N, C-alpha and C. Protein backbone atom coordinates (compact mmCIF):
# COMPACT_ATOMS: atom_id res chain seq x y z
N MET A 1 0.82 -1.19 0.00
CA MET A 1 0.00 0.00 0.00
C MET A 1 0.87 1.26 0.00
N ILE A 2 1.96 1.22 0.73
CA ILE A 2 2.86 2.37 0.74
C ILE A 2 3.46 2.55 -0.66
N LYS A 3 3.79 1.45 -1.31
CA LYS A 3 4.36 1.54 -2.65
C LYS A 3 3.40 2.26 -3.59
N ALA A 4 2.11 1.94 -3.50
CA ALA A 4 1.11 2.60 -4.35
C ALA A 4 1.05 4.09 -4.05
N LEU A 5 1.13 4.46 -2.78
CA LEU A 5 1.11 5.87 -2.40
C LEU A 5 2.35 6.58 -2.95
N VAL A 6 3.51 5.98 -2.79
CA VAL A 6 4.75 6.59 -3.30
C VAL A 6 4.68 6.73 -4.81
N ASP A 7 4.18 5.69 -5.49
CA ASP A 7 4.05 5.77 -6.95
C ASP A 7 3.13 6.92 -7.36
N GLU A 8 2.03 7.07 -6.65
CA GLU A 8 1.09 8.17 -6.94
C GLU A 8 1.74 9.53 -6.72
N LEU A 9 2.47 9.67 -5.62
CA LEU A 9 3.14 10.94 -5.33
C LEU A 9 4.23 11.24 -6.35
N ARG A 10 4.97 10.22 -6.75
CA ARG A 10 6.03 10.40 -7.75
C ARG A 10 5.43 10.86 -9.08
N PHE A 11 4.31 10.26 -9.47
CA PHE A 11 3.66 10.61 -10.73
C PHE A 11 3.09 12.03 -10.67
N GLY A 12 2.54 12.41 -9.52
CA GLY A 12 1.87 13.71 -9.40
C GLY A 12 2.76 14.88 -9.05
N SER A 13 3.99 14.60 -8.60
CA SER A 13 4.86 15.68 -8.16
C SER A 13 6.30 15.43 -8.63
N PRO A 14 6.72 16.18 -9.63
CA PRO A 14 8.11 16.04 -10.08
C PRO A 14 9.11 16.28 -8.94
N ARG A 15 8.79 17.21 -8.05
CA ARG A 15 9.69 17.51 -6.92
C ARG A 15 9.79 16.30 -5.99
N PHE A 16 8.65 15.69 -5.68
CA PHE A 16 8.67 14.50 -4.84
C PHE A 16 9.47 13.39 -5.52
N ALA A 17 9.24 13.19 -6.81
CA ALA A 17 9.96 12.16 -7.57
C ALA A 17 11.46 12.39 -7.50
N GLU A 18 11.87 13.65 -7.64
CA GLU A 18 13.29 14.00 -7.57
C GLU A 18 13.86 13.68 -6.19
N LEU A 19 13.16 14.09 -5.13
CA LEU A 19 13.62 13.83 -3.77
C LEU A 19 13.65 12.34 -3.46
N TRP A 20 12.60 11.63 -3.88
CA TRP A 20 12.54 10.19 -3.61
C TRP A 20 13.69 9.47 -4.30
N SER A 21 13.94 9.80 -5.54
CA SER A 21 15.01 9.15 -6.30
C SER A 21 16.39 9.46 -5.73
N SER A 22 16.54 10.64 -5.14
CA SER A 22 17.83 11.03 -4.59
C SER A 22 18.14 10.33 -3.27
N GLY A 23 17.11 9.79 -2.63
CA GLY A 23 17.30 9.18 -1.31
C GLY A 23 17.22 10.18 -0.18
N ALA A 24 17.01 11.46 -0.51
CA ALA A 24 16.95 12.51 0.51
C ALA A 24 15.75 12.33 1.44
N VAL A 25 14.71 11.67 0.94
CA VAL A 25 13.52 11.49 1.76
C VAL A 25 13.57 10.20 2.56
N GLY A 26 14.62 9.44 2.44
CA GLY A 26 14.79 8.24 3.25
C GLY A 26 14.75 6.98 2.41
N THR A 27 14.81 5.87 3.11
CA THR A 27 14.79 4.58 2.45
C THR A 27 13.50 3.85 2.81
N HIS A 28 13.15 2.90 1.98
CA HIS A 28 11.93 2.14 2.18
C HIS A 28 12.27 0.66 2.20
N ALA A 29 11.76 -0.03 3.20
CA ALA A 29 11.90 -1.48 3.27
C ALA A 29 10.52 -2.07 3.51
N GLU A 30 10.30 -3.24 2.96
CA GLU A 30 8.99 -3.86 3.15
C GLU A 30 9.17 -5.32 3.51
N SER A 31 8.20 -5.82 4.27
CA SER A 31 8.20 -7.22 4.65
C SER A 31 6.77 -7.62 5.00
N ARG A 32 6.60 -8.83 5.40
CA ARG A 32 5.29 -9.31 5.82
C ARG A 32 5.44 -9.82 7.25
N LYS A 33 4.48 -9.50 8.09
CA LYS A 33 4.52 -9.89 9.50
C LYS A 33 3.24 -10.64 9.85
N THR A 34 3.35 -11.52 10.82
CA THR A 34 2.17 -12.19 11.37
C THR A 34 2.02 -11.74 12.82
N ILE A 35 0.87 -11.17 13.10
CA ILE A 35 0.54 -10.73 14.46
C ILE A 35 -0.35 -11.80 15.07
N GLU A 36 0.05 -12.33 16.22
CA GLU A 36 -0.75 -13.34 16.90
C GLU A 36 -1.67 -12.65 17.89
N HIS A 37 -2.96 -12.54 17.53
CA HIS A 37 -3.93 -11.87 18.39
C HIS A 37 -4.71 -12.94 19.18
N PRO A 38 -4.92 -12.71 20.49
CA PRO A 38 -5.54 -13.75 21.32
C PRO A 38 -6.99 -14.10 20.94
N THR A 39 -7.75 -13.19 20.35
CA THR A 39 -9.12 -13.51 19.98
C THR A 39 -9.35 -13.55 18.47
N ALA A 40 -8.61 -12.79 17.71
CA ALA A 40 -8.79 -12.74 16.26
C ALA A 40 -7.97 -13.79 15.55
N GLY A 41 -6.98 -14.35 16.22
CA GLY A 41 -6.09 -15.32 15.59
C GLY A 41 -4.93 -14.64 14.89
N ASP A 42 -4.27 -15.37 14.03
CA ASP A 42 -3.13 -14.83 13.30
C ASP A 42 -3.61 -13.82 12.25
N VAL A 43 -2.96 -12.67 12.23
CA VAL A 43 -3.28 -11.61 11.28
C VAL A 43 -2.01 -11.33 10.49
N VAL A 44 -2.03 -11.64 9.19
CA VAL A 44 -0.86 -11.43 8.33
C VAL A 44 -1.00 -10.06 7.68
N VAL A 45 -0.01 -9.19 7.92
CA VAL A 45 -0.05 -7.82 7.41
C VAL A 45 1.24 -7.49 6.66
N ASP A 46 1.12 -6.52 5.76
CA ASP A 46 2.30 -5.98 5.10
C ASP A 46 2.90 -4.94 6.03
N CYS A 47 4.22 -4.91 6.10
CA CYS A 47 4.93 -3.97 6.96
C CYS A 47 5.85 -3.11 6.09
N ASP A 48 5.62 -1.81 6.11
CA ASP A 48 6.46 -0.86 5.37
C ASP A 48 7.19 0.01 6.38
N VAL A 49 8.49 0.15 6.20
CA VAL A 49 9.31 0.97 7.09
C VAL A 49 10.01 2.05 6.26
N LEU A 50 9.75 3.29 6.60
CA LEU A 50 10.43 4.43 5.99
C LEU A 50 11.42 4.95 7.01
N THR A 51 12.68 5.08 6.63
CA THR A 51 13.73 5.51 7.53
C THR A 51 14.18 6.91 7.16
N VAL A 52 14.26 7.78 8.18
CA VAL A 52 14.74 9.15 7.99
C VAL A 52 16.25 9.14 8.16
N PRO A 53 17.02 9.44 7.09
CA PRO A 53 18.47 9.35 7.17
C PRO A 53 19.08 10.20 8.29
N GLY A 54 20.01 9.59 9.02
CA GLY A 54 20.76 10.32 10.04
C GLY A 54 20.00 10.67 11.29
N SER A 55 18.74 10.25 11.42
CA SER A 55 17.96 10.66 12.59
C SER A 55 17.65 9.51 13.53
N GLY A 56 17.78 8.28 13.05
CA GLY A 56 17.39 7.15 13.87
C GLY A 56 15.88 6.99 13.94
N GLN A 57 15.13 7.78 13.17
CA GLN A 57 13.67 7.71 13.19
C GLN A 57 13.16 6.82 12.06
N HIS A 58 12.08 6.10 12.38
CA HIS A 58 11.46 5.22 11.41
C HIS A 58 9.95 5.43 11.47
N VAL A 59 9.32 5.40 10.32
CA VAL A 59 7.87 5.39 10.25
C VAL A 59 7.48 3.98 9.82
N VAL A 60 6.69 3.31 10.64
CA VAL A 60 6.30 1.93 10.36
C VAL A 60 4.79 1.90 10.13
N ALA A 61 4.39 1.30 9.01
CA ALA A 61 2.97 1.16 8.70
C ALA A 61 2.64 -0.30 8.47
N TYR A 62 1.64 -0.79 9.19
CA TYR A 62 1.14 -2.15 9.00
C TYR A 62 -0.20 -2.04 8.29
N THR A 63 -0.35 -2.75 7.18
CA THR A 63 -1.59 -2.68 6.41
C THR A 63 -2.03 -4.08 5.98
N ALA A 64 -3.33 -4.17 5.71
CA ALA A 64 -3.90 -5.40 5.17
C ALA A 64 -4.72 -5.03 3.95
N ALA A 65 -4.68 -5.87 2.95
CA ALA A 65 -5.42 -5.60 1.72
C ALA A 65 -6.92 -5.58 1.99
N THR A 66 -7.62 -4.62 1.39
CA THR A 66 -9.06 -4.51 1.52
C THR A 66 -9.73 -5.81 1.10
N GLY A 67 -10.65 -6.29 1.94
CA GLY A 67 -11.38 -7.51 1.63
C GLY A 67 -10.67 -8.79 1.99
N SER A 68 -9.44 -8.69 2.51
CA SER A 68 -8.69 -9.89 2.87
C SER A 68 -9.12 -10.42 4.24
N VAL A 69 -8.75 -11.66 4.53
CA VAL A 69 -9.01 -12.23 5.85
C VAL A 69 -8.36 -11.36 6.92
N ALA A 70 -7.14 -10.89 6.66
CA ALA A 70 -6.44 -10.04 7.63
C ALA A 70 -7.22 -8.75 7.89
N ALA A 71 -7.77 -8.14 6.84
CA ALA A 71 -8.55 -6.91 7.01
C ALA A 71 -9.79 -7.19 7.85
N ASP A 72 -10.44 -8.32 7.60
CA ASP A 72 -11.62 -8.68 8.40
C ASP A 72 -11.25 -8.88 9.86
N ARG A 73 -10.11 -9.51 10.11
CA ARG A 73 -9.68 -9.74 11.49
C ARG A 73 -9.31 -8.43 12.19
N LEU A 74 -8.66 -7.53 11.46
CA LEU A 74 -8.35 -6.22 12.04
C LEU A 74 -9.62 -5.44 12.35
N GLU A 75 -10.62 -5.53 11.48
CA GLU A 75 -11.90 -4.87 11.73
C GLU A 75 -12.57 -5.45 12.96
N PHE A 76 -12.48 -6.77 13.13
CA PHE A 76 -13.01 -7.41 14.32
C PHE A 76 -12.35 -6.85 15.58
N VAL A 77 -11.02 -6.74 15.55
CA VAL A 77 -10.29 -6.22 16.70
C VAL A 77 -10.71 -4.77 16.98
N ARG A 78 -10.82 -3.96 15.92
CA ARG A 78 -11.23 -2.56 16.10
C ARG A 78 -12.63 -2.48 16.68
N ALA A 79 -13.55 -3.27 16.13
CA ALA A 79 -14.95 -3.21 16.55
C ALA A 79 -15.16 -3.71 17.97
N THR A 80 -14.31 -4.61 18.43
CA THR A 80 -14.49 -5.19 19.76
C THR A 80 -13.53 -4.63 20.79
N ALA A 81 -12.75 -3.61 20.42
CA ALA A 81 -11.78 -3.04 21.36
C ALA A 81 -12.48 -2.58 22.63
N GLY A 82 -11.96 -3.01 23.75
CA GLY A 82 -12.49 -2.58 25.03
C GLY A 82 -13.66 -3.42 25.53
N LEU A 83 -14.17 -4.33 24.71
CA LEU A 83 -15.29 -5.18 25.13
C LEU A 83 -14.74 -6.43 25.80
N ALA A 84 -15.42 -6.86 26.84
CA ALA A 84 -15.02 -8.11 27.49
C ALA A 84 -15.55 -9.27 26.65
N LEU A 85 -14.66 -10.10 26.17
CA LEU A 85 -15.04 -11.24 25.35
C LEU A 85 -14.68 -12.51 26.09
N SER A 86 -15.58 -13.47 26.03
CA SER A 86 -15.24 -14.78 26.60
C SER A 86 -14.74 -15.66 25.49
N VAL A 87 -13.59 -16.25 25.71
CA VAL A 87 -12.99 -17.14 24.72
C VAL A 87 -13.03 -18.53 25.26
N PRO A 88 -13.61 -19.47 24.50
CA PRO A 88 -13.70 -20.87 25.01
C PRO A 88 -12.34 -21.49 25.16
């Protein structure tokens, strides 16, 4: 999802494209993670990490594809946050 956003920004802004290509805006790494949730079960998400050069700062985004099992499980967690659930 981050890749799609970056592609859109690069296409729409020559300045952004220039900065992104130069590396001045940081580096991007991606991976896939599995979050083990006690009531929703395993939630497989994409993990995008943007690193700000020389600062030690990272922006981390976890996303799930719309309509996926992971998205449904994340919605379940959001909708039930703070509710007492009994788990057999």
